[in-house]
Amino acid sequence: MRRPLGVLLAVVGVVVLLGAVAGATWAAITPTVTATRVDGGFTLPAEQTAKAFSGVAVFGLTMAVYGLIAALVAWFVARTWRGLLGYGAVLAATIGGSALAIEVGMWITDWLYGDRTGIALGDTVELVPRLWLRGGTAHGAAEPWTLLICAPFALTLVYLVCVLSSRTADLGVGDLDDRRHEYIAADATNDRVAYAQPTGPQDAIGPSGNPGDPTRGPR
C-alpha cells in the first residue's frame, strides 16, 4: 500500500502546534503563588510552597492530555503510517511540542504577571512557577528538561493500547489484504497453467498429430 508522506508530515506539524495550545491552556488554568519582594528577588511563605508545586503538577497533567490527543490523532489520521515509523515521528513531535508548550506558557504568564515595576520591598505579587526546572520546585532534584517527558510517556501508553487493541496483524494498514490478493492472483495463474498441461495418456499427441492417438516408442 502506498504511504503518502504528506499525511505524516501534516500530522507531525499539527501535533507540534497542539503543544502551543497546551501551553496556553496551562497559562490560563495554572494557580498562582503569592510572593514577597525582598532584597535581591522574591521569597515564598512556607504555606505557598505546595501551591507552587501544584502549578508544575498542572502542567504535567496538561501534557499528559496533550500526549493522549497526539496519540489518537496519529493513530486515526495517519493510518497508513501505523507502526514504528509513525510512532517515532509523533514521539519526536510531542517532545518538540512540549518544549513549545513551556515557552508559550511562560511567555503568556510573563505577560500577565511579569510587570514588576514600582514594587517596593515587602510588597506582595502574584507569580507562577518556572517550567524549565532548576533543582525541582522546592529543594528537589530535577533536570531542566524533566517536564518534556510527560507527553511522550502518555503518547507511548495510548499508542500501545491502540496497537494491542488492533484486530489485524498489520494494525489495520491494509498491507495484508494487498498481499492476500497477490497470492490469490498467483494461485489462479498457476491453476490455469496446470489445466492447460497434459494430465494423462488420453491427452498425449500421437504420430498423426491428433490427440488421443497411441504414441509409439522406439522398437
Protein backbone atom coordinates (compact mmCIF):
# COMPACT_ATOMS: atom_id res chain seq x y z
CA MET A 1 0.00 0.00 0.00
CA ARG A 2 1.20 3.50 -0.86
CA ARG A 3 2.20 5.63 2.13
CA PRO A 4 1.66 9.35 1.45
CA LEU A 5 4.45 11.24 3.19
CA GLY A 6 2.41 14.43 3.22
CA VAL A 7 -0.08 12.90 5.66
CA LEU A 8 2.65 12.05 8.15
CA LEU A 9 4.23 15.49 7.87
CA ALA A 10 0.84 17.12 8.37
CA VAL A 11 0.22 15.06 11.50
CA VAL A 12 3.66 15.95 12.87
CA GLY A 13 3.01 19.65 12.25
CA VAL A 14 -0.41 19.52 13.88
CA VAL A 15 0.97 17.71 16.94
CA VAL A 16 3.71 20.32 17.38
CA LEU A 17 1.19 23.17 17.09
CA LEU A 18 -1.05 21.44 19.63
CA GLY A 19 1.82 21.92 22.07
CA ALA A 20 1.35 25.69 21.80
CA VAL A 21 -2.35 25.25 22.56
CA ALA A 22 -1.47 23.12 25.58
CA GLY A 23 0.95 25.77 26.84
CA ALA A 24 -1.68 28.49 26.52
CA THR A 25 -4.19 26.28 28.33
CA TRP A 26 -1.77 25.79 31.22
CA ALA A 27 -1.17 29.53 31.46
CA ALA A 28 -4.93 30.08 31.74
CA ILE A 29 -5.60 27.49 34.47
CA THR A 30 -2.40 27.30 36.50
CA PRO A 31 -2.63 28.53 40.09
CA THR A 32 -0.51 31.49 41.13
CA VAL A 33 1.51 31.91 44.31
CA THR A 34 1.83 34.99 46.49
CA ALA A 35 5.45 36.04 46.88
CA THR A 36 7.00 38.85 48.92
CA ARG A 37 9.55 41.23 47.46
CA VAL A 38 12.86 41.09 49.31
CA ASP A 39 16.30 42.43 48.62
CA GLY A 40 17.55 40.54 45.58
CA GLY A 41 14.28 38.89 44.48
CA PHE A 42 11.16 37.29 45.90
CA THR A 43 10.52 34.85 48.70
CA LEU A 44 7.68 32.39 49.19
CA PRO A 45 5.99 31.79 52.53
CA ALA A 46 6.02 28.19 53.69
CA GLU A 47 2.29 27.75 53.01
CA GLN A 48 2.80 28.76 49.36
CA THR A 49 5.36 26.05 48.61
CA ALA A 50 2.76 23.34 47.93
CA LYS A 51 0.84 25.74 45.71
CA ALA A 52 3.98 26.36 43.68
CA PHE A 53 4.36 22.63 43.15
CA SER A 54 0.71 22.37 42.08
CA GLY A 55 1.45 24.71 39.17
CA VAL A 56 4.09 22.29 37.90
CA ALA A 57 1.75 19.35 38.50
CA VAL A 58 -0.99 21.04 36.47
CA PHE A 59 1.46 21.40 33.59
CA GLY A 60 2.34 17.72 33.84
CA LEU A 61 -1.33 16.73 33.66
CA THR A 62 -1.87 19.11 30.75
CA MET A 63 1.00 17.44 28.92
CA ALA A 64 -0.48 14.00 29.64
CA VAL A 65 -3.75 15.05 27.97
CA TYR A 66 -1.71 16.52 25.11
CA GLY A 67 0.10 13.21 24.64
CA LEU A 68 -3.21 11.32 24.63
CA ILE A 69 -4.64 13.59 21.93
CA ALA A 70 -1.43 13.31 19.89
CA ALA A 71 -1.62 9.50 20.01
CA LEU A 72 -5.24 9.45 18.82
CA VAL A 73 -4.51 11.91 16.02
CA ALA A 74 -1.53 9.85 14.86
CA TRP A 75 -3.45 6.56 15.03
CA PHE A 76 -6.61 7.58 13.21
CA VAL A 77 -5.34 10.24 10.78
CA ALA A 78 -2.01 8.69 9.72
CA ARG A 79 -3.48 5.19 9.39
CA THR A 80 -1.05 4.04 6.69
CA TRP A 81 1.87 5.05 8.92
CA ARG A 82 0.86 2.94 11.89
CA GLY A 83 3.87 1.17 13.35
CA LEU A 84 7.36 2.11 14.43
CA LEU A 85 7.94 4.82 11.81
CA GLY A 86 4.72 6.63 12.54
CA TYR A 87 5.16 6.27 16.29
CA GLY A 88 8.74 7.56 16.18
CA ALA A 89 7.76 10.62 14.15
CA VAL A 90 4.93 11.56 16.52
CA LEU A 91 7.12 10.85 19.55
CA ALA A 92 9.66 13.40 18.31
CA ALA A 93 6.78 15.80 17.58
CA THR A 94 5.48 15.57 21.16
CA ILE A 95 8.94 16.32 22.55
CA GLY A 96 9.19 19.41 20.37
CA GLY A 97 5.59 20.31 21.19
CA SER A 98 6.30 20.03 24.92
CA ALA A 99 9.22 22.45 24.61
CA LEU A 100 6.97 24.79 22.64
CA ALA A 101 4.29 24.47 25.33
CA ILE A 102 6.77 25.54 28.01
CA GLU A 103 7.90 28.55 26.01
CA VAL A 104 4.36 29.65 25.12
CA GLY A 105 3.09 29.07 28.65
CA MET A 106 5.92 31.05 30.23
CA TRP A 107 5.58 33.84 27.67
CA ILE A 108 1.88 34.24 28.46
CA THR A 109 2.38 34.15 32.23
CA ASP A 110 5.22 36.65 31.99
CA TRP A 111 2.90 38.90 30.01
CA LEU A 112 0.18 38.52 32.65
CA TYR A 113 2.27 38.67 35.81
CA GLY A 114 5.70 39.86 34.68
CA ASP A 115 5.26 43.61 35.17
CA ARG A 116 7.07 44.23 38.45
CA THR A 117 7.86 47.90 38.04
CA GLY A 118 7.25 50.01 41.12
CA ILE A 119 7.22 47.05 43.52
CA ALA A 120 8.84 48.06 46.80
CA LEU A 121 10.47 45.82 49.39
CA GLY A 122 7.83 44.00 51.41
CA ASP A 123 5.14 44.19 48.70
CA THR A 124 3.39 41.01 47.61
CA VAL A 125 2.94 39.93 43.99
CA GLU A 126 1.33 37.02 42.12
CA LEU A 127 3.80 34.68 40.45
CA VAL A 128 3.74 31.33 38.66
CA PRO A 129 6.40 28.61 38.88
CA ARG A 130 9.05 28.33 36.20
CA LEU A 131 8.72 25.27 33.99
CA TRP A 132 12.35 24.87 32.98
CA LEU A 133 13.07 23.27 36.33
CA ARG A 134 16.23 24.18 38.21
CA GLY A 135 16.65 21.84 41.14
CA GLY A 136 12.95 20.99 41.30
CA THR A 137 10.31 23.20 42.80
CA ALA A 138 11.38 23.23 46.43
CA HIS A 139 14.91 21.99 47.09
CA GLY A 140 14.29 18.88 44.96
CA ALA A 141 16.39 17.20 42.31
CA ALA A 142 15.26 17.75 38.71
CA GLU A 143 16.77 18.50 35.34
CA PRO A 144 15.52 21.47 33.30
CA TRP A 145 14.03 19.10 30.71
CA THR A 146 12.11 16.91 33.20
CA LEU A 147 8.68 18.09 32.08
CA LEU A 148 9.44 17.22 28.45
CA ILE A 149 8.85 13.51 29.11
CA CYS A 150 5.21 13.78 30.28
CA ALA A 151 3.58 13.99 26.84
CA PRO A 152 5.82 11.34 25.18
CA PHE A 153 5.11 8.96 28.07
CA ALA A 154 1.34 9.40 27.71
CA LEU A 155 1.66 9.07 23.92
CA THR A 156 3.51 5.78 24.30
CA LEU A 157 0.92 4.29 26.65
CA VAL A 158 -2.06 5.26 24.48
CA TYR A 159 -0.34 4.15 21.26
CA LEU A 160 0.49 0.80 22.87
CA VAL A 161 -3.16 0.32 23.85
CA CYS A 162 -4.18 1.05 20.25
CA VAL A 163 -1.67 -1.48 18.93
CA LEU A 164 -2.81 -4.19 21.36
CA SER A 165 -6.45 -3.47 20.51
CA SER A 166 -5.91 -3.89 16.77
CA ARG A 167 -7.71 -6.92 15.34
CA THR A 168 -5.25 -7.49 12.47
CA ALA A 169 -1.52 -8.12 12.40
CA ASP A 170 -0.93 -5.18 10.06
CA LEU A 171 -2.60 -2.78 12.57
CA GLY A 172 -5.35 -2.03 10.07
CA VAL A 173 -2.98 -0.56 7.48
CA GLY A 174 -4.16 -2.92 4.73
CA ASP A 175 -0.82 -4.48 3.76
CA LEU A 176 -2.08 -7.99 4.48
CA ASP A 177 -5.09 -7.51 2.18
CA ASP A 178 -2.83 -6.46 -0.69
CA ARG A 179 -0.61 -9.47 -0.19
CA ARG A 180 -3.63 -11.79 0.03
CA HIS A 181 -4.91 -10.50 -3.32
CA GLU A 182 -1.47 -11.07 -4.84
CA TYR A 183 -1.43 -14.64 -3.53
CA ILE A 184 -4.94 -15.30 -4.91
CA ALA A 185 -3.93 -13.96 -8.34
CA ALA A 186 -0.80 -16.10 -8.34
CA ASP A 187 -2.78 -19.21 -7.38
CA ALA A 188 -5.31 -18.55 -10.14
CA THR A 189 -2.50 -18.21 -12.69
CA ASN A 190 -0.92 -21.46 -11.53
CA ASP A 191 -4.30 -23.22 -11.81
CA ARG A 192 -4.72 -22.06 -15.42
CA VAL A 193 -1.23 -23.26 -16.33
CA ALA A 194 -1.82 -26.64 -14.70
CA TYR A 195 -5.15 -27.01 -16.52
CA ALA A 196 -3.51 -26.36 -19.91
CA GLN A 197 -0.81 -29.00 -19.41
CA PRO A 198 -1.41 -32.68 -20.35
CA THR A 199 -2.66 -34.63 -17.37
CA GLY A 200 -2.75 -38.20 -18.73
CA PRO A 201 -2.21 -40.55 -21.71
CA GLN A 202 -5.51 -39.52 -23.29
CA ASP A 203 -4.12 -36.04 -23.86
CA ALA A 204 -0.91 -37.23 -25.48
CA ILE A 205 -0.29 -36.33 -29.13
CA GLY A 206 0.22 -39.38 -31.40
CA PRO A 207 2.22 -39.67 -34.66
CA SER A 208 -0.78 -38.50 -36.70
CA GLY A 209 -0.87 -35.24 -34.80
CA ASN A 210 -4.34 -35.97 -33.37
CA PRO A 211 -4.91 -36.05 -29.68
CA GLY A 212 -5.72 -39.46 -28.36
CA ASP A 213 -3.70 -41.47 -30.92
CA PRO A 214 -1.48 -44.04 -29.25
CA THR A 215 2.06 -42.96 -29.06
CA ARG A 216 4.78 -45.16 -30.50
CA GLY A 217 8.01 -45.62 -28.77
CA PRO A 218 11.18 -46.95 -30.29
CA ARG A 219 11.10 -50.60 -31.32
